[in-house]
Protein backbone atom coordinates (compact mmCIF):
# COMPACT_ATOMS: atom_id res chain seq x y z
CA MET A 1 -5.30 -1.17 4.12
CA THR A 2 -7.67 -0.15 1.38
CA ASP A 3 -10.19 -1.94 -0.74
CA VAL A 4 -11.99 -0.41 -3.67
CA THR A 5 -14.14 -2.84 -5.59
CA ASP A 6 -17.27 -2.56 -7.65
CA THR A 7 -19.64 -5.01 -6.02
CA THR A 8 -22.26 -4.70 -8.75
CA GLN A 9 -20.31 -7.28 -10.75
CA VAL A 10 -18.45 -10.18 -9.24
CA VAL A 11 -15.13 -10.57 -11.00
CA PRO A 12 -13.51 -14.04 -10.79
CA GLY A 13 -11.24 -14.00 -7.75
CA TRP A 14 -13.26 -11.34 -5.95
CA LEU A 15 -15.62 -12.11 -3.12
CA THR A 16 -19.05 -10.55 -2.86
CA ARG A 17 -19.35 -7.93 -0.12
CA ASP A 18 -21.12 -10.46 2.15
CA ASP A 19 -18.58 -13.20 1.44
CA LEU A 20 -15.71 -10.79 2.12
CA GLU A 21 -17.24 -9.71 5.44
CA SER A 22 -17.66 -13.36 6.40
CA ALA A 23 -14.08 -14.22 5.41
CA ARG A 24 -12.70 -11.20 7.32
CA GLU A 25 -14.37 -12.51 10.47
CA ARG A 26 -12.66 -15.90 10.13
CA LEU A 27 -9.40 -15.64 8.16
CA PRO A 28 -6.38 -13.39 7.78
CA ILE A 29 -6.58 -11.69 4.38
CA VAL A 30 -3.40 -11.34 2.25
CA TYR A 31 -2.47 -7.84 1.05
CA VAL A 32 0.42 -6.05 -0.59
CA ASP A 33 1.70 -2.64 0.53
CA ALA A 34 3.86 -0.81 -2.00
CA VAL A 35 5.83 2.36 -1.31
CA PRO A 36 6.44 3.97 -4.71
CA VAL A 37 9.81 5.69 -5.08
CA ARG A 38 11.79 7.56 -7.69
CA VAL A 39 15.52 6.93 -7.90
CA ASP A 40 18.39 8.91 -9.40
CA ASP A 41 20.82 7.54 -12.00
CA ARG A 42 22.87 5.91 -9.20
CA GLY A 43 19.82 4.06 -7.83
CA ILE A 44 19.47 6.25 -4.73
CA VAL A 45 15.91 7.01 -3.64
CA VAL A 46 15.25 10.72 -4.11
CA SER A 47 11.48 10.87 -3.62
CA ILE A 48 8.67 8.85 -2.09
CA GLY A 49 5.08 8.92 -3.32
CA LEU A 50 2.19 8.81 -0.90
CA LEU A 51 -1.51 8.79 -1.69
CA LEU A 52 -4.10 10.87 0.07
CA ARG A 53 -7.15 8.65 0.44
CA ALA A 54 -10.08 7.65 2.59
CA MET A 55 -9.09 4.92 5.04
CA PRO A 56 -11.19 2.03 6.45
CA ASP A 57 -11.68 3.90 9.73
CA GLY A 58 -13.28 6.82 7.86
CA SER A 59 -10.31 9.16 8.16
CA ILE A 60 -8.47 10.85 5.30
CA SER A 61 -4.78 10.11 5.44
CA ARG A 62 -1.53 9.62 3.59
CA ALA A 63 -0.97 6.01 2.60
CA PRO A 64 1.18 3.76 0.45
CA VAL A 65 -0.38 1.83 -2.41
CA SER A 66 -2.20 -1.10 -0.85
CA GLY A 67 -4.70 -3.80 -1.71
CA ARG A 68 -5.78 -7.41 -1.50
CA VAL A 69 -4.21 -10.31 -3.35
CA LEU A 70 -6.85 -12.19 -5.33
CA TYR A 71 -7.34 -15.93 -5.13
CA GLY A 72 -5.00 -17.49 -7.69
CA GLU A 73 -3.13 -14.21 -8.27
CA ARG A 74 0.65 -14.01 -8.15
CA ILE A 75 2.11 -11.43 -5.77
CA ARG A 76 3.85 -9.68 -8.66
CA ASP A 77 0.56 -9.40 -10.54
CA ALA A 78 -1.19 -7.99 -7.45
CA LEU A 79 1.55 -5.37 -7.11
CA VAL A 80 1.25 -4.34 -10.76
CA ARG A 81 -2.55 -4.24 -10.57
CA HIS A 82 -2.64 -2.04 -7.46
CA LEU A 83 0.17 0.26 -8.61
CA GLU A 84 -1.48 0.79 -11.99
CA LYS A 85 -4.91 1.21 -10.38
CA ASP A 86 -3.67 3.82 -7.91
CA LEU A 87 -0.88 5.55 -9.86
CA GLY A 88 -2.18 5.15 -13.40
CA SER A 89 -1.09 2.92 -16.25
CA MET A 90 1.82 5.21 -17.13
CA ALA A 91 3.54 4.83 -13.71
CA LEU A 92 5.76 2.11 -15.18
CA PRO A 93 6.62 0.26 -11.95
CA ARG A 94 9.88 -1.70 -12.05
CA ILE A 95 9.07 -4.96 -10.30
CA PRO A 96 11.45 -7.92 -10.57
CA ALA A 97 10.21 -11.22 -11.96
CA SER A 98 10.22 -12.69 -8.46
CA PRO A 99 9.70 -9.81 -6.01
CA GLN A 100 10.76 -10.18 -2.38
CA PRO A 101 9.06 -8.13 0.35
CA PHE A 102 11.32 -6.12 2.63
CA THR A 103 9.03 -6.94 5.55
CA VAL A 104 5.73 -8.59 6.48
CA ILE A 105 3.20 -6.54 8.42
CA GLU A 106 0.26 -7.91 10.39
CA TYR A 107 -2.72 -5.59 10.75
CA PHE A 108 -5.19 -6.42 13.54
CA PRO A 109 -8.60 -5.07 14.56
CA ASP A 110 -7.06 -4.44 18.01
CA PRO A 111 -4.56 -1.56 17.59
CA PHE A 112 -2.45 -2.80 20.52
CA VAL A 113 -1.52 -6.25 19.16
CA SER A 114 1.16 -5.19 16.65
CA GLY A 115 0.86 -1.43 16.30
CA PHE A 116 -0.59 -1.93 12.82
CA HIS A 117 -4.35 -1.50 12.80
CA ASP A 118 -7.20 -2.29 10.41
CA PRO A 119 -10.55 -2.12 12.20
CA ARG A 120 -12.15 -4.53 9.71
CA GLN A 121 -9.86 -7.52 9.89
CA HIS A 122 -6.68 -9.42 10.59
CA ALA A 123 -4.59 -8.83 7.47
CA VAL A 124 -1.12 -10.03 6.53
CA SER A 125 0.63 -7.63 4.18
CA LEU A 126 3.79 -8.18 2.18
CA ALA A 127 5.54 -4.81 1.98
CA PHE A 128 7.61 -3.67 -1.02
CA VAL A 129 9.51 -0.58 -2.13
CA VAL A 130 8.80 -0.16 -5.85
CA PRO A 131 10.65 2.22 -8.17
CA VAL A 132 8.41 3.88 -10.75
CA SER A 133 9.73 5.71 -13.78
CA GLY A 134 6.71 7.08 -15.60
CA ASP A 135 4.10 9.75 -15.06
CA CYS A 136 1.82 9.00 -12.13
CA VAL A 137 -1.78 10.13 -12.31
CA PRO A 138 -3.73 8.96 -9.26
CA SER A 139 -6.92 7.06 -9.89
CA THR A 140 -10.31 8.04 -8.57
CA SER A 141 -9.73 5.84 -5.49
CA ALA A 142 -6.98 8.25 -4.41
CA LEU A 143 -7.64 11.91 -3.74
CA ASP A 144 -4.07 12.99 -4.48
CA LEU A 145 -0.50 11.76 -4.93
CA VAL A 146 2.36 13.72 -3.42
CA TRP A 147 6.05 13.13 -4.06
CA MET A 148 8.32 14.13 -1.20
CA THR A 149 11.95 13.85 -0.24
CA PRO A 150 13.00 11.14 2.21
CA SER A 151 13.40 13.80 4.92
CA GLU A 152 9.90 15.13 4.30
CA ALA A 153 8.47 11.59 4.28
CA ALA A 154 10.16 10.81 7.62
CA SER A 155 8.84 13.98 9.27
CA SER A 156 6.41 14.04 12.17
CA ILE A 157 4.03 16.09 10.00
CA VAL A 158 3.67 13.21 7.52
CA ALA A 159 3.51 10.64 10.34
CA ASP A 160 0.58 12.58 11.82
CA GLU A 161 -1.22 12.35 8.44
CA MET A 162 -1.01 8.53 8.42
CA THR A 163 -3.21 5.99 10.22
CA GLY A 164 -3.12 2.36 11.22
CA GLY A 165 0.62 2.27 11.84
CA GLN A 166 1.47 3.04 8.23
CA ASP A 167 3.85 5.77 9.38
CA ARG A 168 5.92 2.93 10.88
CA LEU A 169 5.73 1.04 7.58
CA LEU A 170 7.00 4.15 5.78
CA ARG A 171 9.94 4.50 8.18
CA LEU A 172 10.78 0.80 7.71
CA ALA A 173 10.75 1.35 3.92
CA LEU A 174 13.02 4.40 4.20
CA ALA A 175 15.44 2.44 6.39
CA HIS A 176 15.34 -0.51 3.99
CA VAL A 177 16.52 1.66 1.08
CA GLY A 178 19.06 3.52 3.23
CA VAL A 179 17.47 6.97 3.25
CA LEU A 180 15.96 7.21 6.75
CA PRO A 181 17.32 10.51 8.08
């Protein structure tokens, strides 16, 4: 789970840093996780994009696109906002009018509750696989974006580069689109 916000200005729908900390201590926070993919002309996933970024626990790891859903924000709009923020405005994500998550993940401060871990909070994340068709240029919140084959993405090397159980999320995404080796 990642959060990158400028707390010098409070944007409608965003909580101040103190309000967010207080809410995280009392409420599950809603997120979206998006695994960007490229598909061939038959609709088969041929590559998966993963970001290299700083994680909440201070580590640097591979991660899907992820972020909070704002108060009053539609899930589709949150997906578009986070994909464009992390992959650039030319990523051209193809999100249906009414997107359906392929799974729901619960992140807990205790890593043993669900196997998905966020040390800051209890978070409920709706997970999506999102085809992108444009040029992706990672934002400043991401250190890098790497496209890999499904076999590379499912490897133990990539799993070791992921934290918080997101390697499991990636494998679920690969299985969902039928390319888990």
